[in-house]
N, C-alpha and C. Protein backbone atom coordinates (compact mmCIF):
# COMPACT_ATOMS: atom_id res chain seq x y z
N MET A 1 -13.44 18.80 -19.12
CA MET A 1 -12.49 18.10 -19.96
C MET A 1 -13.02 16.70 -20.23
N LYS A 2 -12.92 16.27 -21.44
CA LYS A 2 -13.36 14.94 -21.85
C LYS A 2 -12.33 13.90 -21.42
N ALA A 3 -12.80 12.68 -21.21
CA ALA A 3 -11.94 11.60 -20.72
C ALA A 3 -10.76 11.36 -21.65
N HIS A 4 -10.99 11.39 -22.96
CA HIS A 4 -9.88 11.12 -23.89
C HIS A 4 -8.84 12.23 -23.83
N GLU A 5 -9.26 13.46 -23.55
CA GLU A 5 -8.31 14.57 -23.40
C GLU A 5 -7.45 14.36 -22.14
N LEU A 6 -8.11 13.93 -21.06
CA LEU A 6 -7.39 13.66 -19.83
C LEU A 6 -6.40 12.52 -20.04
N ASP A 7 -6.83 11.46 -20.71
CA ASP A 7 -5.95 10.33 -21.01
C ASP A 7 -4.74 10.78 -21.82
N THR A 8 -4.98 11.59 -22.82
CA THR A 8 -3.89 12.07 -23.68
C THR A 8 -2.89 12.88 -22.87
N ARG A 9 -3.38 13.79 -22.06
CA ARG A 9 -2.48 14.61 -21.24
C ARG A 9 -1.67 13.73 -20.29
N PHE A 10 -2.33 12.76 -19.67
CA PHE A 10 -1.64 11.85 -18.75
C PHE A 10 -0.57 11.06 -19.50
N ASP A 11 -0.94 10.49 -20.65
CA ASP A 11 0.00 9.69 -21.44
C ASP A 11 1.21 10.51 -21.89
N GLU A 12 1.01 11.81 -22.07
CA GLU A 12 2.11 12.70 -22.49
C GLU A 12 2.96 13.17 -21.32
N GLY A 13 2.57 12.74 -20.11
CA GLY A 13 3.35 13.08 -18.94
C GLY A 13 2.98 14.40 -18.29
N ASP A 14 1.87 15.00 -18.73
CA ASP A 14 1.42 16.26 -18.12
C ASP A 14 0.90 16.02 -16.71
N ASP A 15 1.01 17.03 -15.86
CA ASP A 15 0.45 16.98 -14.51
C ASP A 15 -1.05 17.22 -14.62
N ILE A 16 -1.84 16.20 -14.28
CA ILE A 16 -3.29 16.32 -14.39
C ILE A 16 -3.95 16.43 -13.02
N SER A 17 -3.15 16.60 -11.96
CA SER A 17 -3.70 16.59 -10.60
C SER A 17 -4.73 17.69 -10.37
N ASP A 18 -4.58 18.82 -11.07
CA ASP A 18 -5.57 19.91 -10.92
C ASP A 18 -6.94 19.52 -11.47
N GLU A 19 -6.99 18.53 -12.32
CA GLU A 19 -8.24 18.10 -12.94
C GLU A 19 -8.99 17.08 -12.09
N LEU A 20 -8.37 16.59 -11.03
CA LEU A 20 -8.95 15.51 -10.23
C LEU A 20 -9.52 16.03 -8.92
N ASP A 21 -10.65 15.48 -8.51
CA ASP A 21 -11.24 15.80 -7.22
C ASP A 21 -10.81 14.70 -6.24
N LEU A 22 -9.67 14.89 -5.60
CA LEU A 22 -9.09 13.86 -4.75
C LEU A 22 -9.86 13.69 -3.44
N ALA A 23 -10.72 14.64 -3.10
CA ALA A 23 -11.52 14.52 -1.88
C ALA A 23 -12.49 13.35 -1.99
N LYS A 24 -12.84 12.97 -3.20
CA LYS A 24 -13.78 11.86 -3.40
C LYS A 24 -13.09 10.59 -3.88
N ALA A 25 -11.77 10.60 -3.92
CA ALA A 25 -11.03 9.44 -4.40
C ALA A 25 -11.16 8.28 -3.43
N LYS A 26 -11.29 7.07 -3.97
CA LYS A 26 -11.39 5.86 -3.18
C LYS A 26 -10.41 4.84 -3.71
N ARG A 27 -9.96 3.96 -2.85
CA ARG A 27 -9.06 2.88 -3.25
C ARG A 27 -9.82 1.57 -3.10
N PRO A 28 -10.33 1.02 -4.19
CA PRO A 28 -11.10 -0.21 -4.11
C PRO A 28 -10.29 -1.35 -3.47
N LEU A 29 -10.96 -2.14 -2.68
CA LEU A 29 -10.38 -3.29 -1.99
C LEU A 29 -9.27 -2.90 -1.02
N ARG A 30 -9.24 -1.64 -0.61
CA ARG A 30 -8.20 -1.18 0.32
C ARG A 30 -8.76 -0.77 1.68
N LYS A 31 -10.03 -1.06 1.91
CA LYS A 31 -10.62 -0.75 3.20
C LYS A 31 -9.86 -1.53 4.27
N GLN A 32 -9.59 -0.87 5.37
CA GLN A 32 -8.81 -1.53 6.41
C GLN A 32 -9.70 -1.95 7.57
N LYS A 33 -9.28 -3.01 8.22
CA LYS A 33 -9.97 -3.52 9.39
C LYS A 33 -8.90 -3.88 10.42
N ARG A 34 -9.09 -3.43 11.63
CA ARG A 34 -8.12 -3.69 12.69
C ARG A 34 -8.27 -5.11 13.22
N VAL A 35 -7.12 -5.77 13.41
CA VAL A 35 -7.10 -7.10 14.01
C VAL A 35 -6.01 -7.12 15.09
N ASN A 36 -6.16 -8.00 16.04
CA ASN A 36 -5.15 -8.18 17.09
C ASN A 36 -4.51 -9.54 16.89
N VAL A 37 -3.18 -9.55 16.93
CA VAL A 37 -2.44 -10.79 16.78
C VAL A 37 -1.40 -10.84 17.89
N ASP A 38 -1.31 -11.97 18.55
CA ASP A 38 -0.30 -12.15 19.59
C ASP A 38 0.93 -12.80 18.98
N PHE A 39 2.11 -12.22 19.25
CA PHE A 39 3.37 -12.75 18.76
C PHE A 39 4.28 -13.07 19.94
N PRO A 40 5.10 -14.10 19.83
CA PRO A 40 6.09 -14.34 20.86
C PRO A 40 7.13 -13.19 20.86
N THR A 41 7.73 -12.96 22.01
CA THR A 41 8.67 -11.85 22.16
C THR A 41 9.83 -11.95 21.17
N TRP A 42 10.36 -13.15 20.96
CA TRP A 42 11.49 -13.30 20.04
C TRP A 42 11.12 -12.85 18.63
N MET A 43 9.87 -13.11 18.24
CA MET A 43 9.42 -12.73 16.91
C MET A 43 9.30 -11.21 16.80
N LEU A 44 8.78 -10.58 17.83
CA LEU A 44 8.68 -9.11 17.83
C LEU A 44 10.06 -8.48 17.78
N ASP A 45 11.01 -9.04 18.51
CA ASP A 45 12.37 -8.51 18.48
C ASP A 45 12.95 -8.60 17.07
N SER A 46 12.74 -9.73 16.42
CA SER A 46 13.24 -9.91 15.04
C SER A 46 12.54 -8.95 14.08
N LEU A 47 11.23 -8.82 14.24
CA LEU A 47 10.49 -7.89 13.39
C LEU A 47 10.98 -6.46 13.58
N ASP A 48 11.21 -6.07 14.83
CA ASP A 48 11.68 -4.71 15.11
C ASP A 48 13.06 -4.45 14.52
N ARG A 49 13.95 -5.43 14.60
CA ARG A 49 15.29 -5.27 14.01
C ARG A 49 15.19 -5.10 12.49
N GLU A 50 14.39 -5.94 11.86
CA GLU A 50 14.25 -5.86 10.39
C GLU A 50 13.58 -4.57 9.98
N ALA A 51 12.56 -4.15 10.72
CA ALA A 51 11.87 -2.90 10.42
C ALA A 51 12.83 -1.72 10.56
N ALA A 52 13.65 -1.72 11.61
CA ALA A 52 14.63 -0.64 11.80
C ALA A 52 15.66 -0.64 10.68
N ARG A 53 16.10 -1.82 10.27
CA ARG A 53 17.07 -1.92 9.17
C ARG A 53 16.52 -1.33 7.88
N LEU A 54 15.23 -1.57 7.63
CA LEU A 54 14.59 -1.06 6.42
C LEU A 54 14.05 0.36 6.57
N GLY A 55 14.01 0.86 7.81
CA GLY A 55 13.51 2.21 8.04
C GLY A 55 12.00 2.31 7.94
N VAL A 56 11.31 1.26 8.35
CA VAL A 56 9.85 1.25 8.33
C VAL A 56 9.35 0.83 9.71
N THR A 57 8.05 0.90 9.92
CA THR A 57 7.47 0.50 11.19
C THR A 57 7.28 -1.02 11.24
N ARG A 58 7.09 -1.53 12.44
CA ARG A 58 6.80 -2.94 12.62
C ARG A 58 5.54 -3.32 11.84
N GLN A 59 4.52 -2.50 11.92
CA GLN A 59 3.27 -2.77 11.22
C GLN A 59 3.51 -2.86 9.71
N SER A 60 4.34 -1.97 9.19
CA SER A 60 4.62 -1.99 7.75
C SER A 60 5.31 -3.27 7.33
N ILE A 61 6.30 -3.70 8.09
CA ILE A 61 7.02 -4.92 7.70
C ILE A 61 6.10 -6.13 7.75
N ILE A 62 5.21 -6.18 8.74
CA ILE A 62 4.26 -7.28 8.81
C ILE A 62 3.34 -7.27 7.60
N LYS A 63 2.82 -6.10 7.24
CA LYS A 63 1.93 -6.02 6.07
C LYS A 63 2.65 -6.37 4.78
N ILE A 64 3.88 -5.88 4.63
CA ILE A 64 4.65 -6.16 3.42
C ILE A 64 4.89 -7.66 3.28
N TRP A 65 5.34 -8.29 4.36
CA TRP A 65 5.64 -9.72 4.29
C TRP A 65 4.39 -10.56 4.07
N LEU A 66 3.30 -10.19 4.72
CA LEU A 66 2.05 -10.93 4.50
C LEU A 66 1.57 -10.78 3.05
N ALA A 67 1.66 -9.57 2.54
CA ALA A 67 1.24 -9.32 1.16
C ALA A 67 2.09 -10.13 0.18
N GLU A 68 3.41 -10.17 0.42
CA GLU A 68 4.29 -10.95 -0.46
C GLU A 68 3.93 -12.43 -0.43
N ARG A 69 3.68 -12.96 0.76
CA ARG A 69 3.35 -14.37 0.88
C ARG A 69 2.01 -14.68 0.22
N LEU A 70 1.02 -13.83 0.44
CA LEU A 70 -0.28 -14.04 -0.17
C LEU A 70 -0.20 -13.96 -1.69
N GLU A 71 0.62 -13.05 -2.19
CA GLU A 71 0.78 -12.92 -3.64
C GLU A 71 1.44 -14.17 -4.23
N GLN A 72 2.36 -14.77 -3.50
CA GLN A 72 3.00 -16.01 -3.96
C GLN A 72 1.99 -17.14 -4.10
N HIS A 73 1.07 -17.22 -3.16
CA HIS A 73 0.11 -18.32 -3.16
C HIS A 73 -1.15 -18.03 -3.98
N HIS A 74 -1.47 -16.77 -4.14
CA HIS A 74 -2.68 -16.38 -4.87
C HIS A 74 -2.40 -15.18 -5.75
N PRO A 75 -1.59 -15.34 -6.80
CA PRO A 75 -1.30 -14.18 -7.67
C PRO A 75 -2.56 -13.68 -8.36
N HIS A 76 -2.58 -12.41 -8.62
CA HIS A 76 -3.75 -11.81 -9.27
C HIS A 76 -3.89 -12.28 -10.69
């Protein structure tokens, strides 16, 4: 299938997932690296309460909040 045909089908709302080789898909600038951060207990308790309220993990809430703050200071 030619690229313009794929674009047309996508723009028309067709399901094009069968045309994609997702085994080779990559997310640029999304490579992850593990870091260790020490937090005071009160902060972890607050993070856990907020994460539970939103139905997400502690790690997710930390990433979401950091991403929001970084976007405020350095918008794309």
